[in-house]
Each structure stands twice: as C-alpha cells, then as structure tokens.
Amino acid sequence: MIVDRVKKEIQLGQIFENPKRGTSEVISITDKNISYVRGNSRISMPINEFDNVYKVYKGKKVRTVDLKKYKPKVFSSKYGGHSCNCTFLFTVYKKLGLTNRINGKGVRGNPYHIELL
C-alpha cells in the first residue's frame, strides 16, 4: 500500500519543490490526513488518496484535470478541496519513485501530468 510507504518514507518537515514555484512542507501525517504548508496556507488531504489514485491510474497518464474530475472534493478548490493537492500528490509520488517526472506547464491546454509506474 502506498499509504504505508508515505507514513514510513515521508518525514515531518520534509520540503517538496512545487513544479512552478514555491514549496510544500509536510507538517502532519496521521492515519486520516497528511497536512502541508504551501505559501501561507495550511492544506490537508486524506492520506488514503495516495492508494486510491494509484489504483485508478497505475500504468496510465494522470493530469491535474483528471484528479479534479475524479474526486473534486479533494482536488478542486471549486468544490471544497484544494487544487494544490494535485501537485502535492505528484511530488510525493515522484519522491517514492512511482513516477519519473512531472510534465506540463500547469496551464490550460498543458496541465501538469505524470505517468504512474
């Protein structure tokens, strides 16, 4: 399970470089959520989404727009989630070796995307 790897390999205080600019710093990992600070915002994401997204997209390309459609309450700021969860998820997957790189420009017509191994 990816969640077990997240709990084991991701450390409190670990900093991830965001694809465009800035960083995300992990501030809490529980059985329910992972929380991080991006800029001045504290953002939480259900930790089980690391497993859920991987099961759905393993071996496939997944774009930020796909995540927003898949689970808008987690990945879309328009529906109570947070769009930053998309790129945070991608950066953690990259750290765990589940993708080689984050592609795209993060703009309409060229969203961020990864290929899940």
PDB file of N, CA and C in Angstrom:
ATOM      1  N   MET A   1       0.831  -1.187   0.000  1.00  0.00           N
ATOM      2  CA  MET A   1       0.000   0.000   0.000  1.00  0.00           C
ATOM      3  C   MET A   1       0.876   1.251   0.000  1.00  0.00           C
ATOM      4  N   ILE A   2       0.489   2.201  -0.797  1.00  0.00           N
ATOM      5  CA  ILE A   2       1.233   3.452  -0.908  1.00  0.00           C
ATOM      6  C   ILE A   2       1.180   4.225   0.408  1.00  0.00           C
ATOM      7  N   VAL A   3       0.039   4.184   1.085  1.00  0.00           N
ATOM      8  CA  VAL A   3      -0.099   4.914   2.354  1.00  0.00           C
ATOM      9  C   VAL A   3       0.970   4.472   3.350  1.00  0.00           C
ATOM     10  N   ASP A   4       1.226   3.178   3.425  1.00  0.00           N
ATOM     11  CA  ASP A   4       2.266   2.682   4.338  1.00  0.00           C
ATOM     12  C   ASP A   4       3.629   3.264   3.985  1.00  0.00           C
ATOM     13  N   ARG A   5       3.921   3.358   2.709  1.00  0.00           N
ATOM     14  CA  ARG A   5       5.186   3.953   2.267  1.00  0.00           C
ATOM     15  C   ARG A   5       5.242   5.438   2.599  1.00  0.00           C
ATOM     16  N   VAL A   6       4.132   6.131   2.423  1.00  0.00           N
ATOM     17  CA  VAL A   6       4.085   7.562   2.762  1.00  0.00           C
ATOM     18  C   VAL A   6       4.414   7.736   4.241  1.00  0.00           C
ATOM     19  N   LYS A   7       3.766   6.953   5.093  1.00  0.00           N
ATOM     20  CA  LYS A   7       3.989   7.071   6.542  1.00  0.00           C
ATOM     21  C   LYS A   7       5.430   6.738   6.922  1.00  0.00           C
ATOM     22  N   LYS A   8       6.038   5.818   6.192  1.00  0.00           N
ATOM     23  CA  LYS A   8       7.393   5.378   6.515  1.00  0.00           C
ATOM     24  C   LYS A   8       8.466   6.293   5.911  1.00  0.00           C
ATOM     25  N   GLU A   9       8.265   6.742   4.673  1.00  0.00           N
ATOM     26  CA  GLU A   9       9.323   7.424   3.928  1.00  0.00           C
ATOM     27  C   GLU A   9       9.217   8.942   3.887  1.00  0.00           C
ATOM     28  N   ILE A  10       8.057   9.488   4.176  1.00  0.00           N
ATOM     29  CA  ILE A  10       7.881  10.938   4.166  1.00  0.00           C
ATOM     30  C   ILE A  10       7.978  11.426   5.609  1.00  0.00           C
ATOM     31  N   GLN A  11       8.820  12.409   5.825  1.00  0.00           N
ATOM     32  CA  GLN A  11       9.109  12.890   7.174  1.00  0.00           C
ATOM     33  C   GLN A  11       8.446  14.240   7.446  1.00  0.00           C
ATOM     34  N   LEU A  12       8.122  14.472   8.715  1.00  0.00           N
ATOM     35  CA  LEU A  12       7.648  15.805   9.108  1.00  0.00           C
ATOM     36  C   LEU A  12       8.764  16.798   8.827  1.00  0.00           C
ATOM     37  N   GLY A  13       8.411  17.936   8.293  1.00  0.00           N
ATOM     38  CA  GLY A  13       9.394  18.948   7.940  1.00  0.00           C
ATOM     39  C   GLY A  13       9.986  18.777   6.554  1.00  0.00           C
ATOM     40  N   GLN A  14       9.670  17.666   5.888  1.00  0.00           N
ATOM     41  CA  GLN A  14      10.197  17.438   4.541  1.00  0.00           C
ATOM     42  C   GLN A  14       9.609  18.475   3.587  1.00  0.00           C
ATOM     43  N   ILE A  15      10.464  18.992   2.743  1.00  0.00           N
ATOM     44  CA  ILE A  15      10.058  20.052   1.822  1.00  0.00           C
ATOM     45  C   ILE A  15      10.089  19.529   0.390  1.00  0.00           C
ATOM     46  N   PHE A  16       9.001  19.772  -0.320  1.00  0.00           N
ATOM     47  CA  PHE A  16       8.873  19.393  -1.728  1.00  0.00           C
ATOM     48  C   PHE A  16       8.842  20.652  -2.581  1.00  0.00           C
ATOM     49  N   GLU A  17       9.610  20.655  -3.640  1.00  0.00           N
ATOM     50  CA  GLU A  17       9.604  21.765  -4.599  1.00  0.00           C
ATOM     51  C   GLU A  17       8.374  21.636  -5.484  1.00  0.00           C
ATOM     52  N   ASN A  18       7.570  22.678  -5.536  1.00  0.00           N
ATOM     53  CA  ASN A  18       6.409  22.674  -6.412  1.00  0.00           C
ATOM     54  C   ASN A  18       6.873  22.836  -7.860  1.00  0.00           C
ATOM     55  N   PRO A  19       6.116  22.273  -8.803  1.00  0.00           N
ATOM     56  CA  PRO A  19       6.563  22.328 -10.203  1.00  0.00           C
ATOM     57  C   PRO A  19       6.823  23.735 -10.742  1.00  0.00           C
ATOM     58  N   LYS A  20       5.987  24.688 -10.387  1.00  0.00           N
ATOM     59  CA  LYS A  20       6.154  26.033 -10.950  1.00  0.00           C
ATOM     60  C   LYS A  20       7.032  26.902 -10.050  1.00  0.00           C
ATOM     61  N   ARG A  21       6.635  27.044  -8.807  1.00  0.00           N
ATOM     62  CA  ARG A  21       7.418  27.843  -7.858  1.00  0.00           C
ATOM     63  C   ARG A  21       6.934  27.526  -6.449  1.00  0.00           C
ATOM     64  N   GLY A  22       7.764  27.856  -5.483  1.00  0.00           N
ATOM     65  CA  GLY A  22       7.403  27.653  -4.093  1.00  0.00           C
ATOM     66  C   GLY A  22       7.644  26.231  -3.625  1.00  0.00           C
ATOM     67  N   THR A  23       7.265  26.005  -2.382  1.00  0.00           N
ATOM     68  CA  THR A  23       7.477  24.706  -1.767  1.00  0.00           C
ATOM     69  C   THR A  23       6.242  24.282  -0.980  1.00  0.00           C
ATOM     70  N   SER A  24       6.211  23.003  -0.657  1.00  0.00           N
ATOM     71  CA  SER A  24       5.212  22.444   0.252  1.00  0.00           C
ATOM     72  C   SER A  24       5.973  21.722   1.349  1.00  0.00           C
ATOM     73  N   GLU A  25       5.701  22.073   2.609  1.00  0.00           N
ATOM     74  CA  GLU A  25       6.371  21.455   3.741  1.00  0.00           C
ATOM     75  C   GLU A  25       5.389  20.589   4.524  1.00  0.00           C
ATOM     76  N   VAL A  26       5.725  19.326   4.702  1.00  0.00           N
ATOM     77  CA  VAL A  26       4.874  18.397   5.437  1.00  0.00           C
ATOM     78  C   VAL A  26       4.903  18.769   6.923  1.00  0.00           C
ATOM     79  N   ILE A  27       3.704  18.951   7.497  1.00  0.00           N
ATOM     80  CA  ILE A  27       3.640  19.347   8.907  1.00  0.00           C
ATOM     81  C   ILE A  27       2.906  18.324   9.776  1.00  0.00           C
ATOM     82  N   SER A  28       2.189  17.383   9.162  1.00  0.00           N
ATOM     83  CA  SER A  28       1.463  16.391   9.943  1.00  0.00           C
ATOM     84  C   SER A  28       1.129  15.187   9.067  1.00  0.00           C
ATOM     85  N   ILE A  29       1.284  14.000   9.642  1.00  0.00           N
ATOM     86  CA  ILE A  29       0.870  12.765   8.977  1.00  0.00           C
ATOM     87  C   ILE A  29       0.126  11.934  10.016  1.00  0.00           C
ATOM     88  N   THR A  30      -1.159  11.664   9.750  1.00  0.00           N
ATOM     89  CA  THR A  30      -1.957  10.837  10.647  1.00  0.00           C
ATOM     90  C   THR A  30      -2.546   9.684   9.839  1.00  0.00           C
ATOM     91  N   ASP A  31      -3.334   8.860  10.504  1.00  0.00           N
ATOM     92  CA  ASP A  31      -3.993   7.760   9.798  1.00  0.00           C
ATOM     93  C   ASP A  31      -5.052   8.262   8.823  1.00  0.00           C
ATOM     94  N   LYS A  32      -5.499   9.500   8.998  1.00  0.00           N
ATOM     95  CA  LYS A  32      -6.561  10.041   8.148  1.00  0.00           C
ATOM     96  C   LYS A  32      -6.076  11.060   7.132  1.00  0.00           C
ATOM     97  N   ASN A  33      -5.125  11.907   7.527  1.00  0.00           N
ATOM     98  CA  ASN A  33      -4.730  13.024   6.667  1.00  0.00           C
ATOM     99  C   ASN A  33      -3.229  13.229   6.632  1.00  0.00           C
ATOM    100  N   ILE A  34      -2.792  13.871   5.569  1.00  0.00           N
ATOM    101  CA  ILE A  34      -1.447  14.432   5.504  1.00  0.00           C
ATOM    102  C   ILE A  34      -1.646  15.928   5.321  1.00  0.00           C
ATOM    103  N   SER A  35      -0.925  16.712   6.103  1.00  0.00           N
ATOM    104  CA  SER A  35      -1.068  18.169   6.035  1.00  0.00           C
ATOM    105  C   SER A  35       0.263  18.791   5.663  1.00  0.00           C
ATOM    106  N   TYR A  36       0.179  19.878   4.932  1.00  0.00           N
ATOM    107  CA  TYR A  36       1.382  20.575   4.484  1.00  0.00           C
ATOM    108  C   TYR A  36       1.102  22.060   4.404  1.00  0.00           C
ATOM    109  N   VAL A  37       2.171  22.831   4.417  1.00  0.00           N
ATOM    110  CA  VAL A  37       2.071  24.275   4.270  1.00  0.00           C
ATOM    111  C   VAL A  37       2.616  24.643   2.900  1.00  0.00           C
ATOM    112  N   ARG A  38       1.822  25.381   2.163  1.00  0.00           N
ATOM    113  CA  ARG A  38       2.234  25.903   0.862  1.00  0.00           C
ATOM    114  C   ARG A  38       1.999  27.404   0.915  1.00  0.00           C
ATOM    115  N   GLY A  39       3.077  28.170   0.813  1.00  0.00           N
ATOM    116  CA  GLY A  39       2.959  29.618   0.992  1.00  0.00           C
ATOM    117  C   GLY A  39       2.515  29.891   2.415  1.00  0.00           C
ATOM    118  N   ASN A  40       1.418  30.618   2.574  1.00  0.00           N
ATOM    119  CA  ASN A  40       0.866  30.907   3.893  1.00  0.00           C
ATOM    120  C   ASN A  40      -0.325  30.014   4.238  1.00  0.00           C
ATOM    121  N   SER A  41      -0.591  29.027   3.387  1.00  0.00           N
ATOM    122  CA  SER A  41      -1.776  28.182   3.574  1.00  0.00           C
ATOM    123  C   SER A  41      -1.422  26.824   4.156  1.00  0.00           C
ATOM    124  N   ARG A  42      -2.225  26.393   5.118  1.00  0.00           N
ATOM    125  CA  ARG A  42      -2.129  25.036   5.646  1.00  0.00           C
ATOM    126  C   ARG A  42      -3.190  24.216   4.914  1.00  0.00           C
ATOM    127  N   ILE A  43      -2.768  23.127   4.286  1.00  0.00           N
ATOM    128  CA  ILE A  43      -3.664  22.328   3.452  1.00  0.00           C
ATOM    129  C   ILE A  43      -3.596  20.880   3.917  1.00  0.00           C
ATOM    130  N   SER A  44      -4.758  20.224   3.988  1.00  0.00           N
ATOM    131  CA  SER A  44      -4.820  18.812   4.361  1.00  0.00           C
ATOM    132  C   SER A  44      -5.454  18.007   3.248  1.00  0.00           C
ATOM    133  N   MET A  45      -5.002  16.772   3.134  1.00  0.00           N
ATOM    134  CA  MET A  45      -5.524  15.860   2.125  1.00  0.00           C
ATOM    135  C   MET A  45      -5.722  14.495   2.780  1.00  0.00           C
ATOM    136  N   PRO A  46      -6.829  13.805   2.487  1.00  0.00           N
ATOM    137  CA  PRO A  46      -6.985  12.446   3.019  1.00  0.00           C
ATOM    138  C   PRO A  46      -5.827  11.558   2.541  1.00  0.00           C
ATOM    139  N   ILE A  47      -5.169  10.915   3.472  1.00  0.00           N
ATOM    140  CA  ILE A  47      -3.977  10.142   3.133  1.00  0.00           C
ATOM    141  C   ILE A  47      -4.311   8.927   2.261  1.00  0.00           C
ATOM    142  N   ASN A  48      -5.540   8.415   2.371  1.00  0.00           N
ATOM    143  CA  ASN A  48      -5.916   7.250   1.566  1.00  0.00           C
ATOM    144  C   ASN A  48      -5.981   7.550   0.075  1.00  0.00           C
ATOM    145  N   GLU A  49      -5.961   8.849  -0.295  1.00  0.00           N
ATOM    146  CA  GLU A  49      -5.982   9.189  -1.719  1.00  0.00           C
ATOM    147  C   GLU A  49      -4.703   8.750  -2.433  1.00  0.00           C
ATOM    148  N   PHE A  50      -3.600   8.578  -1.695  1.00  0.00           N
ATOM    149  CA  PHE A  50      -2.385   8.055  -2.331  1.00  0.00           C
ATOM    150  C   PHE A  50      -2.640   6.660  -2.885  1.00  0.00           C
ATOM    151  N   ASP A  51      -3.377   5.831  -2.149  1.00  0.00           N
ATOM    152  CA  ASP A  51      -3.729   4.489  -2.628  1.00  0.00           C
ATOM    153  C   ASP A  51      -4.813   4.548  -3.700  1.00  0.00           C
ATOM    154  N   ASN A  52      -5.854   5.343  -3.444  1.00  0.00           N
ATOM    155  CA  ASN A  52      -6.989   5.405  -4.370  1.00  0.00           C
ATOM    156  C   ASN A  52      -6.573   5.851  -5.762  1.00  0.00           C
ATOM    157  N   VAL A  53      -5.825   6.936  -5.843  1.00  0.00           N
ATOM    158  CA  VAL A  53      -5.396   7.461  -7.144  1.00  0.00           C
ATOM    159  C   VAL A  53      -4.482   6.457  -7.839  1.00  0.00           C
ATOM    160  N   TYR A  54      -3.581   5.838  -7.076  1.00  0.00           N
ATOM    161  CA  TYR A  54      -2.655   4.873  -7.674  1.00  0.00           C
ATOM    162  C   TYR A  54      -3.410   3.681  -8.268  1.00  0.00           C
ATOM    163  N   LYS A  55      -4.419   3.186  -7.563  1.00  0.00           N
ATOM    164  CA  LYS A  55      -5.198   2.046  -8.061  1.00  0.00           C
ATOM    165  C   LYS A  55      -5.905   2.390  -9.368  1.00  0.00           C
ATOM    166  N   VAL A  56      -6.432   3.591  -9.459  1.00  0.00           N
ATOM    167  CA  VAL A  56      -7.180   4.003 -10.656  1.00  0.00           C
ATOM    168  C   VAL A  56      -6.250   4.279 -11.847  1.00  0.00           C
ATOM    169  N   TYR A  57      -5.078   4.882 -11.592  1.00  0.00           N
ATOM    170  CA  TYR A  57      -4.239   5.379 -12.684  1.00  0.00           C
ATOM    171  C   TYR A  57      -2.909   4.634 -12.872  1.00  0.00           C
ATOM    172  N   LYS A  58      -2.665   3.565 -12.153  1.00  0.00           N
ATOM    173  CA  LYS A  58      -1.403   2.833 -12.291  1.00  0.00           C
ATOM    174  C   LYS A  58      -1.185   2.446 -13.760  1.00  0.00           C
ATOM    175  N   GLY A  59       0.017   2.764 -14.264  1.00  0.00           N
ATOM    176  CA  GLY A  59       0.350   2.453 -15.651  1.00  0.00           C
ATOM    177  C   GLY A  59      -0.235   3.427 -16.659  1.00  0.00           C
ATOM    178  N   LYS A  60      -0.852   4.483 -16.181  1.00  0.00           N
ATOM    179  CA  LYS A  60      -1.509   5.451 -17.059  1.00  0.00           C
ATOM    180  C   LYS A  60      -1.000   6.858 -16.795  1.00  0.00           C
ATOM    181  N   LYS A  61      -1.319   7.728 -17.715  1.00  0.00           N
ATOM    182  CA  LYS A  61      -1.070   9.154 -17.546  1.00  0.00           C
ATOM    183  C   LYS A  61      -2.213   9.727 -16.723  1.00  0.00           C
ATOM    184  N   VAL A  62      -1.875  10.553 -15.743  1.00  0.00           N
ATOM    185  CA  VAL A  62      -2.893  11.239 -14.956  1.00  0.00           C
ATOM    186  C   VAL A  62      -2.548  12.726 -14.927  1.00  0.00           C
ATOM    187  N   ARG A  63      -3.541  13.552 -15.242  1.00  0.00           N
ATOM    188  CA  ARG A  63      -3.379  15.001 -15.275  1.00  0.00           C
ATOM    189  C   ARG A  63      -4.093  15.625 -14.089  1.00  0.00           C
ATOM    190  N   THR A  64      -3.703  16.838 -13.759  1.00  0.00           N
ATOM    191  CA  THR A  64      -4.392  17.532 -12.665  1.00  0.00           C
ATOM    192  C   THR A  64      -5.887  17.638 -12.961  1.00  0.00           C
ATOM    193  N   VAL A  65      -6.242  17.864 -14.212  1.00  0.00           N
ATOM    194  CA  VAL A  65      -7.667  17.976 -14.554  1.00  0.00           C
ATOM    195  C   VAL A  65      -8.388  16.644 -14.347  1.00  0.00           C
ATOM    196  N   ASP A  66      -7.690  15.530 -14.527  1.00  0.00           N
ATOM    197  CA  ASP A  66      -8.287  14.217 -14.270  1.00  0.00           C
ATOM    198  C   ASP A  66      -8.595  14.050 -12.785  1.00  0.00           C
ATOM    199  N   LEU A  67      -7.651  14.469 -11.933  1.00  0.00           N
ATOM    200  CA  LEU A  67      -7.862  14.360 -10.492  1.00  0.00           C
ATOM    201  C   LEU A  67      -9.031  15.215 -10.037  1.00  0.00           C
ATOM    202  N   LYS A  68      -9.162  16.401 -10.608  1.00  0.00           N
ATOM    203  CA  LYS A  68     -10.257  17.299 -10.230  1.00  0.00           C
ATOM    204  C   LYS A  68     -11.610  16.713 -10.616  1.00  0.00           C
ATOM    205  N   LYS A  69     -11.668  15.971 -11.718  1.00  0.00           N
ATOM    206  CA  LYS A  69     -12.906  15.299 -12.128  1.00  0.00           C
ATOM    207  C   LYS A  69     -13.136  14.035 -11.295  1.00  0.00           C
ATOM    208  N   TYR A  70     -12.060  13.310 -11.007  1.00  0.00           N
ATOM    209  CA  TYR A  70     -12.129  12.056 -10.264  1.00  0.00           C
ATOM    210  C   TYR A  70     -12.655  12.270  -8.839  1.00  0.00           C
ATOM    211  N   LYS A  71     -12.108  13.247  -8.142  1.00  0.00           N
ATOM    212  CA  LYS A  71     -12.503  13.486  -6.754  1.00  0.00           C
ATOM    213  C   LYS A  71     -12.448  14.987  -6.459  1.00  0.00           C
ATOM    214  N   PRO A  72     -13.441  15.746  -6.940  1.00  0.00           N
ATOM    215  CA  PRO A  72     -13.413  17.205  -6.792  1.00  0.00           C
ATOM    216  C   PRO A  72     -13.382  17.687  -5.342  1.00  0.00           C
ATOM    217  N   LYS A  73     -13.968  16.950  -4.419  1.00  0.00           N
ATOM    218  CA  LYS A  73     -13.975  17.389  -3.012  1.00  0.00           C
ATOM    219  C   LYS A  73     -12.587  17.317  -2.382  1.00  0.00           C
ATOM    220  N   VAL A  74     -11.648  16.682  -3.063  1.00  0.00           N
ATOM    221  CA  VAL A  74     -10.269  16.610  -2.577  1.00  0.00           C
ATOM    222  C   VAL A  74      -9.346  17.475  -3.431  1.00  0.00           C
ATOM    223  N   PHE A  75      -9.523  17.443  -4.750  1.00  0.00           N
ATOM    224  CA  PHE A  75      -8.552  18.025  -5.666  1.00  0.00           C
ATOM    225  C   PHE A  75      -8.986  19.308  -6.375  1.00  0.00           C
ATOM    226  N   SER A  76     -10.184  19.798  -6.119  1.00  0.00           N
ATOM    227  CA  SER A  76     -10.647  21.016  -6.786  1.00  0.00           C
ATOM    228  C   SER A  76     -11.066  22.075  -5.770  1.00  0.00           C
ATOM    229  N   SER A  77     -10.460  23.241  -5.878  1.00  0.00           N
ATOM    230  CA  SER A  77     -10.800  24.352  -4.986  1.00  0.00           C
ATOM    231  C   SER A  77     -12.242  24.813  -5.185  1.00  0.00           C
ATOM    232  N   LYS A  78     -12.801  24.527  -6.343  1.00  0.00           N
ATOM    233  CA  LYS A  78     -14.183  24.929  -6.623  1.00  0.00           C
ATOM    234  C   LYS A  78     -15.200  24.101  -5.837  1.00  0.00           C
ATOM    235  N   TYR A  79     -14.792  22.922  -5.371  1.00  0.00           N
ATOM    236  CA  TYR A  79     -15.739  22.005  -4.740  1.00  0.00           C
ATOM    237  C   TYR A  79     -15.325  21.592  -3.324  1.00  0.00           C
ATOM    238  N   GLY A  80     -14.631  22.466  -2.626  1.00  0.00           N
ATOM    239  CA  GLY A  80     -14.290  22.201  -1.235  1.00  0.00           C
ATOM    240  C   GLY A  80     -12.959  21.514  -1.007  1.00  0.00           C
ATOM    241  N   GLY A  81     -12.289  21.149  -2.080  1.00  0.00           N
ATOM    242  CA  GLY A  81     -10.960  20.560  -1.959  1.00  0.00           C
ATOM    243  C   GLY A  81      -9.909  21.635  -2.122  1.00  0.00           C
ATOM    244  N   HIS A  82      -8.750  21.231  -2.605  1.00  0.00           N
ATOM    245  CA  HIS A  82      -7.701  22.210  -2.869  1.00  0.00           C
ATOM    246  C   HIS A  82      -6.902  21.766  -4.085  1.00  0.00           C
ATOM    247  N   SER A  83      -6.797  22.648  -5.064  1.00  0.00           N
ATOM    248  CA  SER A  83      -6.075  22.326  -6.298  1.00  0.00           C
ATOM    249  C   SER A  83      -4.608  21.986  -6.044  1.00  0.00           C
ATOM    250  N   CYS A  84      -4.028  22.537  -4.988  1.00  0.00           N
ATOM    251  CA  CYS A  84      -2.628  22.233  -4.658  1.00  0.00           C
ATOM    252  C   CYS A  84      -2.432  20.765  -4.304  1.00  0.00           C
ATOM    253  N   ASN A  85      -3.497  20.077  -3.900  1.00  0.00           N
ATOM    254  CA  ASN A  85      -3.372  18.652  -3.591  1.00  0.00           C
ATOM    255  C   ASN A  85      -2.923  17.846  -4.804  1.00  0.00           C
ATOM    256  N   CYS A  86      -3.258  18.316  -5.997  1.00  0.00           N
ATOM    257  CA  CYS A  86      -2.846  17.610  -7.216  1.00  0.00           C
ATOM    258  C   CYS A  86      -1.321  17.572  -7.333  1.00  0.00           C
ATOM    259  N   THR A  87      -0.700  18.728  -7.292  1.00  0.00           N
ATOM    260  CA  THR A  87       0.753  18.767  -7.460  1.00  0.00           C
ATOM    261  C   THR A  87       1.467  18.195  -6.243  1.00  0.00           C
ATOM    262  N   PHE A  88       0.878  18.348  -5.050  1.00  0.00           N
ATOM    263  CA  PHE A  88       1.488  17.738  -3.864  1.00  0.00           C
ATOM    264  C   PHE A  88       1.512  16.218  -4.020  1.00  0.00           C
ATOM    265  N   LEU A  89       0.403  15.640  -4.447  1.00  0.00           N
ATOM    266  CA  LEU A  89       0.335  14.202  -4.697  1.00  0.00           C
ATOM    267  C   LEU A  89       1.401  13.788  -5.713  1.00  0.00           C
ATOM    268  N   PHE A  90       1.533  14.552  -6.786  1.00  0.00           N
ATOM    269  CA  PHE A  90       2.530  14.240  -7.818  1.00  0.00           C
ATOM    270  C   PHE A  90       3.945  14.280  -7.244  1.00  0.00           C
ATOM    271  N   THR A  91       4.254  15.286  -6.418  1.00  0.00           N
ATOM    272  CA  THR A  91       5.617  15.396  -5.877  1.00  0.00           C
ATOM    273  C   THR A  91       5.926  14.251  -4.913  1.00  0.00           C
ATOM    274  N   VAL A  92       4.924  13.810  -4.154  1.00  0.00           N
ATOM    275  CA  VAL A  92       5.139  12.674  -3.254  1.00  0.00           C
ATOM    276  C   VAL A  92       5.326  11.396  -4.063  1.00  0.00           C
ATOM    277  N   TYR A  93       4.507  11.188  -5.084  1.00  0.00           N
ATOM    278  CA  TYR A  93       4.687  10.019  -5.958  1.00  0.00           C
ATOM    279  C   TYR A  93       6.091  10.013  -6.564  1.00  0.00           C
ATOM    280  N   LYS A  94       6.569  11.176  -6.970  1.00  0.00           N
ATOM    281  CA  LYS A  94       7.918  11.250  -7.543  1.00  0.00           C
ATOM    282  C   LYS A  94       8.962  10.866  -6.496  1.00  0.00           C
ATOM    283  N   LYS A  95       8.828  11.371  -5.289  1.00  0.00           N
ATOM    284  CA  LYS A  95       9.763  11.043  -4.217  1.00  0.00           C
ATOM    285  C   LYS A  95       9.784   9.539  -3.934  1.00  0.00           C
ATOM    286  N   LEU A  96       8.625   8.896  -4.037  1.00  0.00           N
ATOM    287  CA  LEU A  96       8.519   7.462  -3.771  1.00  0.00           C
ATOM    288  C   LEU A  96       8.936   6.613  -4.973  1.00  0.00           C
ATOM    289  N   GLY A  97       9.281   7.267  -6.089  1.00  0.00           N
ATOM    290  CA  GLY A  97       9.703   6.536  -7.280  1.00  0.00           C
ATOM    291  C   GLY A  97       8.560   5.929  -8.068  1.00  0.00           C
ATOM    292  N   LEU A  98       7.357   6.452  -7.907  1.00  0.00           N
ATOM    293  CA  LEU A  98       6.186   5.937  -8.613  1.00  0.00           C
ATOM    294  C   LEU A  98       5.945   6.653  -9.935  1.00  0.00           C
ATOM    295  N   THR A  99       6.714   7.692 -10.180  1.00  0.00           N
ATOM    296  CA  THR A  99       6.734   8.396 -11.455  1.00  0.00           C
ATOM    297  C   THR A  99       8.138   8.969 -11.618  1.00  0.00           C
ATOM    298  N   ASN A 100       8.533   9.174 -12.859  1.00  0.00           N
ATOM    299  CA  ASN A 100       9.883   9.688 -13.111  1.00  0.00           C
ATOM    300  C   ASN A 100       9.964  11.203 -13.085  1.00  0.00           C
ATOM    301  N   ARG A 101       8.904  11.859 -13.529  1.00  0.00           N
ATOM    302  CA  ARG A 101       8.940  13.323 -13.587  1.00  0.00           C
ATOM    303  C   ARG A 101       7.519  13.879 -13.687  1.00  0.00           C
ATOM    304  N   ILE A 102       7.425  15.154 -13.374  1.00  0.00           N
ATOM    305  CA  ILE A 102       6.170  15.879 -13.523  1.00  0.00           C
ATOM    306  C   ILE A 102       6.280  16.691 -14.802  1.00  0.00           C
ATOM    307  N   ASN A 103       5.350  16.463 -15.702  1.00  0.00           N
ATOM    308  CA  ASN A 103       5.351  17.118 -17.008  1.00  0.00           C
ATOM    309  C   ASN A 103       4.289  18.209 -17.055  1.00  0.00           C
ATOM    310  N   GLY A 104       4.351  19.028 -18.086  1.00  0.00           N
ATOM    311  CA  GLY A 104       3.355  20.070 -18.305  1.00  0.00           C
ATOM    312  C   GLY A 104       3.788  21.410 -17.744  1.00  0.00           C
ATOM    313  N   LYS A 105       3.005  22.415 -18.066  1.00  0.00           N
ATOM    314  CA  LYS A 105       3.291  23.791 -17.641  1.00  0.00           C
ATOM    315  C   LYS A 105       2.328  24.285 -16.567  1.00  0.00           C
ATOM    316  N   GLY A 106       1.311  23.502 -16.242  1.00  0.00           N
ATOM    317  CA  GLY A 106       0.354  23.929 -15.236  1.00  0.00           C
ATOM    318  C   GLY A 106      -0.585  25.013 -15.720  1.00  0.00           C
ATOM    319  N   VAL A 107      -0.870  25.006 -17.021  1.00  0.00           N
ATOM    320  CA  VAL A 107      -1.767  25.994 -17.614  1.00  0.00           C
ATOM    321  C   VAL A 107      -2.820  25.280 -18.456  1.00  0.00           C
ATOM    322  N   ARG A 108      -3.885  26.010 -18.768  1.00  0.00           N
ATOM    323  CA  ARG A 108      -4.933  25.452 -19.616  1.00  0.00           C
ATOM    324  C   ARG A 108      -4.331  24.968 -20.933  1.00  0.00           C
ATOM    325  N   GLY A 109      -4.677  23.771 -21.310  1.00  0.00           N
ATOM    326  CA  GLY A 109      -4.142  23.181 -22.537  1.00  0.00           C
ATOM    327  C   GLY A 109      -2.845  22.404 -22.322  1.00  0.00           C
ATOM    328  N   ASN A 110      -2.172  22.647 -21.202  1.00  0.00           N
ATOM    329  CA  ASN A 110      -0.940  21.927 -20.878  1.00  0.00           C
ATOM    330  C   ASN A 110      -0.827  21.760 -19.356  1.00  0.00           C
ATOM    331  N   PRO A 111      -1.794  21.002 -18.765  1.00  0.00           N
ATOM    332  CA  PRO A 111      -1.786  20.846 -17.306  1.00  0.00           C
ATOM    333  C   PRO A 111      -0.624  19.958 -16.854  1.00  0.00           C
ATOM    334  N   TYR A 112      -0.305  20.039 -15.561  1.00  0.00           N
ATOM    335  CA  TYR A 112       0.685  19.114 -15.021  1.00  0.00           C
ATOM    336  C   TYR A 112       0.155  17.699 -15.171  1.00  0.00           C
ATOM    337  N   HIS A 113       1.060  16.769 -15.434  1.00  0.00           N
ATOM    338  CA  HIS A 113       0.671  15.373 -15.535  1.00  0.00           C
ATOM    339  C   HIS A 113       1.872  14.476 -15.250  1.00  0.00           C
ATOM    340  N   ILE A 114       1.550  13.247 -14.866  1.00  0.00           N
ATOM    341  CA  ILE A 114       2.583  12.241 -14.614  1.00  0.00           C
ATOM    342  C   ILE A 114       2.150  10.938 -15.250  1.00  0.00           C
ATOM    343  N   GLU A 115       3.094  10.049 -15.406  1.00  0.00           N
ATOM    344  CA  GLU A 115       2.840   8.670 -15.816  1.00  0.00           C
ATOM    345  C   GLU A 115       3.122   7.824 -14.585  1.00  0.00           C
ATOM    346  N   LEU A 116       2.097   7.145 -14.066  1.00  0.00           N
ATOM    347  CA  LEU A 116       2.291   6.305 -12.878  1.00  0.00           C
ATOM    348  C   LEU A 116       2.883   4.968 -13.293  1.00  0.00           C
ATOM    349  N   LEU A 117       3.999   4.621 -12.688  1.00  0.00           N
ATOM    350  CA  LEU A 117       4.688   3.363 -12.996  1.00  0.00           C
ATOM    351  C   LEU A 117       4.008   2.181 -12.348  1.00  0.00           C
TER     352      LEU A 117
END
